[in-house]
C-alpha atoms as a PDB file:
ATOM      1  CA  MET A   1      18.947  -4.575 -14.690  1.00  0.00           C
ATOM      2  CA  ALA A   2      19.042  -1.545 -12.366  1.00  0.00           C
ATOM      3  CA  LEU A   3      17.422  -3.429  -9.495  1.00  0.00           C
ATOM      4  CA  ALA A   4      19.861  -6.286  -9.949  1.00  0.00           C
ATOM      5  CA  ALA A   5      22.717  -3.781  -9.699  1.00  0.00           C
ATOM      6  CA  ILE A   6      21.615  -2.547  -6.289  1.00  0.00           C
ATOM      7  CA  GLY A   7      20.380  -5.896  -5.011  1.00  0.00           C
ATOM      8  CA  GLY A   8      21.748  -7.188  -1.764  1.00  0.00           C
ATOM      9  CA  ARG A   9      21.844  -5.691   1.653  1.00  0.00           C
ATOM     10  CA  TRP A  10      24.297  -2.787   2.020  1.00  0.00           C
ATOM     11  CA  THR A  11      24.845  -2.305  -1.719  1.00  0.00           C
ATOM     12  CA  THR A  12      22.918   0.950  -1.890  1.00  0.00           C
ATOM     13  CA  LEU A  13      24.833   2.374   1.065  1.00  0.00           C
ATOM     14  CA  ILE A  14      28.179   1.451  -0.471  1.00  0.00           C
ATOM     15  CA  LEU A  15      27.164   3.073  -3.751  1.00  0.00           C
ATOM     16  CA  ARG A  16      25.929   6.129  -1.855  1.00  0.00           C
ATOM     17  CA  ASP A  17      29.225   6.551  -0.027  1.00  0.00           C
ATOM     18  CA  LEU A  18      31.193   6.224  -3.258  1.00  0.00           C
ATOM     19  CA  ALA A  19      28.837   8.549  -5.166  1.00  0.00           C
ATOM     20  CA  VAL A  20      29.180  11.407  -2.692  1.00  0.00           C
ATOM     21  CA  ALA A  21      32.953  11.092  -2.323  1.00  0.00           C
ATOM     22  CA  ASP A  22      35.148  13.713  -3.972  1.00  0.00           C
ATOM     23  CA  GLY A  23      37.596  11.089  -5.166  1.00  0.00           C
ATOM     24  CA  PRO A  24      38.764   7.557  -4.525  1.00  0.00           C
ATOM     25  CA  VAL A  25      37.790   6.004  -1.201  1.00  0.00           C
ATOM     26  CA  SER A  26      39.947   3.547   0.703  1.00  0.00           C
ATOM     27  CA  TYR A  27      38.578   0.239   1.901  1.00  0.00           C
ATOM     28  CA  SER A  28      39.099   1.319   5.509  1.00  0.00           C
ATOM     29  CA  ALA A  29      37.163   4.568   4.950  1.00  0.00           C
ATOM     30  CA  LEU A  30      34.257   2.585   3.505  1.00  0.00           C
ATOM     31  CA  ALA A  31      34.379   0.154   6.424  1.00  0.00           C
ATOM     32  CA  ASP A  32      34.539   3.002   8.955  1.00  0.00           C
ATOM     33  CA  GLY A  33      31.523   4.678   7.350  1.00  0.00           C
ATOM     34  CA  LEU A  34      29.457   1.497   7.677  1.00  0.00           C
ATOM     35  CA  PRO A  35      30.520   0.066  11.047  1.00  0.00           C
ATOM     36  CA  GLU A  36      27.672  -2.488  11.227  1.00  0.00           C
ATOM     37  CA  LEU A  37      28.801  -4.023   7.930  1.00  0.00           C
ATOM     38  CA  SER A  38      31.100  -7.039   8.276  1.00  0.00           C
ATOM     39  CA  ASP A  39      34.373  -7.178   6.354  1.00  0.00           C
ATOM     40  CA  LYS A  40      33.206 -10.322   4.575  1.00  0.00           C
ATOM     41  CA  VAL A  41      30.076  -8.671   3.198  1.00  0.00           C
ATOM     42  CA  LEU A  42      31.922  -5.468   2.260  1.00  0.00           C
ATOM     43  CA  VAL A  43      34.515  -7.462   0.324  1.00  0.00           C
ATOM     44  CA  GLU A  44      31.790  -9.470  -1.438  1.00  0.00           C
ATOM     45  CA  ARG A  45      29.740  -6.377  -2.364  1.00  0.00           C
ATOM     46  CA  LEU A  46      32.772  -4.460  -3.636  1.00  0.00           C
ATOM     47  CA  ALA A  47      33.918  -7.454  -5.701  1.00  0.00           C
ATOM     48  CA  ARG A  48      30.494  -7.804  -7.298  1.00  0.00           C
ATOM     49  CA  LEU A  49      30.134  -4.065  -7.952  1.00  0.00           C
ATOM     50  CA  THR A  50      33.607  -4.035  -9.489  1.00  0.00           C
ATOM     51  CA  THR A  51      32.948  -7.092 -11.652  1.00  0.00           C
ATOM     52  CA  ASP A  52      29.648  -5.605 -12.836  1.00  0.00           C
ATOM     53  CA  GLY A  53      31.373  -2.316 -13.727  1.00  0.00           C
ATOM     54  CA  TYR A  54      29.619  -0.037 -11.208  1.00  0.00           C
ATOM     55  CA  VAL A  55      32.773   0.570  -9.191  1.00  0.00           C
ATOM     56  CA  ASN A  56      36.400   0.954 -10.236  1.00  0.00           C
ATOM     57  CA  ARG A  57      39.096  -0.637  -8.073  1.00  0.00           C
ATOM     58  CA  GLU A  58      42.440   1.154  -8.099  1.00  0.00           C
ATOM     59  CA  SER A  59      45.559  -0.212  -6.470  1.00  0.00           C
ATOM     60  CA  THR A  60      48.912   1.478  -6.030  1.00  0.00           C
ATOM     61  CA  VAL A  61      52.249  -0.202  -6.491  1.00  0.00           C
ATOM     62  CA  GLY A  62      54.490  -0.312  -3.471  1.00  0.00           C
ATOM     63  CA  TYR A  63      54.508  -1.535   0.050  1.00  0.00           C
ATOM     64  CA  PRO A  64      51.986  -1.708   1.411  1.00  0.00           C
ATOM     65  CA  THR A  65      49.710  -1.890  -1.596  1.00  0.00           C
ATOM     66  CA  ARG A  66      46.891   0.602  -1.254  1.00  0.00           C
ATOM     67  CA  VAL A  67      43.463  -0.120  -2.715  1.00  0.00           C
ATOM     68  CA  HIS A  68      40.885   2.568  -3.403  1.00  0.00           C
ATOM     69  CA  TYR A  69      37.422   2.454  -4.892  1.00  0.00           C
ATOM     70  CA  ARG A  70      35.650   4.994  -7.048  1.00  0.00           C
ATOM     71  CA  ILE A  71      32.173   4.954  -8.530  1.00  0.00           C
ATOM     72  CA  SER A  72      32.345   4.415 -12.284  1.00  0.00           C
ATOM     73  CA  ALA A  73      30.420   6.201 -15.021  1.00  0.00           C
ATOM     74  CA  ARG A  74      28.136   3.158 -15.132  1.00  0.00           C
ATOM     75  CA  GLY A  75      27.618   3.426 -11.372  1.00  0.00           C
ATOM     76  CA  ARG A  76      26.737   7.116 -11.655  1.00  0.00           C
ATOM     77  CA  LEU A  77      23.861   6.098 -13.926  1.00  0.00           C
ATOM     78  CA  LEU A  78      22.243   4.570 -10.825  1.00  0.00           C
ATOM     79  CA  ARG A  79      22.108   7.948  -9.050  1.00  0.00           C
ATOM     80  CA  PRO A  80      18.479   8.802 -10.004  1.00  0.00           C
ATOM     81  CA  LEU A  81      17.366   5.381  -8.785  1.00  0.00           C
ATOM     82  CA  LEU A  82      19.222   5.792  -5.492  1.00  0.00           C
ATOM     83  CA  ILE A  83      17.730   9.261  -4.982  1.00  0.00           C
ATOM     84  CA  GLU A  84      14.211   7.971  -5.599  1.00  0.00           C
ATOM     85  CA  LEU A  85      14.762   5.043  -3.218  1.00  0.00           C
ATOM     86  CA  TYR A  86      15.937   7.496  -0.553  1.00  0.00           C
ATOM     87  CA  ARG A  87      12.906   9.723  -1.111  1.00  0.00           C
ATOM     88  CA  THR A  88      10.538   6.774  -0.959  1.00  0.00           C
ATOM     89  CA  GLY A  89      12.164   5.505   2.225  1.00  0.00           C
ATOM     90  CA  THR A  90      11.839   8.930   3.817  1.00  0.00           C
ATOM     91  CA  VAL A  91       8.119   9.101   3.007  1.00  0.00           C
ATOM     92  CA  LEU A  92       7.518   5.561   4.224  1.00  0.00           C
ATOM     93  CA  LYS A  93       9.396   6.230   7.447  1.00  0.00           C
ATOM     94  CA  GLU A  94       7.255   9.286   8.152  1.00  0.00           C
ATOM     95  CA  THR A  95       3.997   7.519   7.260  1.00  0.00           C
ATOM     96  CA  ASP A  96       1.933   5.849   9.970  1.00  0.00           C
ATOM     97  CA  ARG A  97      -0.010   3.770   7.451  1.00  0.00           C
ATOM     98  CA  PRO A  98       0.202   3.375   3.661  1.00  0.00           C
ATOM     99  CA  ASP A  99      -2.780   5.601   2.817  1.00  0.00           C
ATOM    100  CA  SER A 100      -2.294   8.333   5.414  1.00  0.00           C
ATOM    101  CA  HIS A 101      -0.994  10.855   2.866  1.00  0.00           C
ATOM    102  CA  GLY A 102      -3.686  10.030   0.351  1.00  0.00           C
ATOM    103  CA  PHE A 103      -1.308   9.744  -2.565  1.00  0.00           C
ATOM    104  CA  GLU A 104      -2.078   6.295  -3.896  1.00  0.00           C
ATOM    105  CA  GLY A 105      -1.073   6.274  -7.530  1.00  0.00           C
ATOM    106  CA  ALA A 106       1.073   9.419  -7.191  1.00  0.00           C
ATOM    107  CA  SER A 107       4.825   9.236  -7.404  1.00  0.00           C
ATOM    108  CA  VAL A 108       6.909   9.883  -4.338  1.00  0.00           C
ATOM    109  CA  SER A 109       8.523  12.831  -6.111  1.00  0.00           C
ATOM    110  CA  ASP A 110       5.044  14.419  -6.162  1.00  0.00           C
ATOM    111  CA  GLU A 111       5.033  14.296  -2.373  1.00  0.00           C
ATOM    112  CA  VAL A 112       8.677  15.045  -1.587  1.00  0.00           C
ATOM    113  CA  GLY A 113      10.669  18.031  -2.756  1.00  0.00           C
ATOM    114  CA  ALA A 114      13.965  17.767  -4.598  1.00  0.00           C
ATOM    115  CA  GLY A 115      16.707  16.176  -2.521  1.00  0.00           C
ATOM    116  CA  GLU A 116      20.114  14.593  -2.754  1.00  0.00           C
ATOM    117  CA  VAL A 117      21.436  11.234  -1.684  1.00  0.00           C
END
């Protein structure tokens, strides 16, 4: 279930940006933070994350209508998974070959100190 939640290119980065925000984030702020991401994909990912309950969509009444996104309580449950994915990616990026650190069978958290997404 957790892997299905973060499946799809860009999903983890969208969740990351919403998780570290102090409050609601506008669509344009999300788009500006991920400039390589097309509008079509951002809209699709946000719609799916909203439908699945990982992100809350808030719109204001008035002209123009403003839409903001906020990570939901359900989405915050993914935080440990996102942190571990980040840690693993960092180790893999710094590794020349899979066995160069000699930690086959060890968890990445054994090799990397505490960190934040």
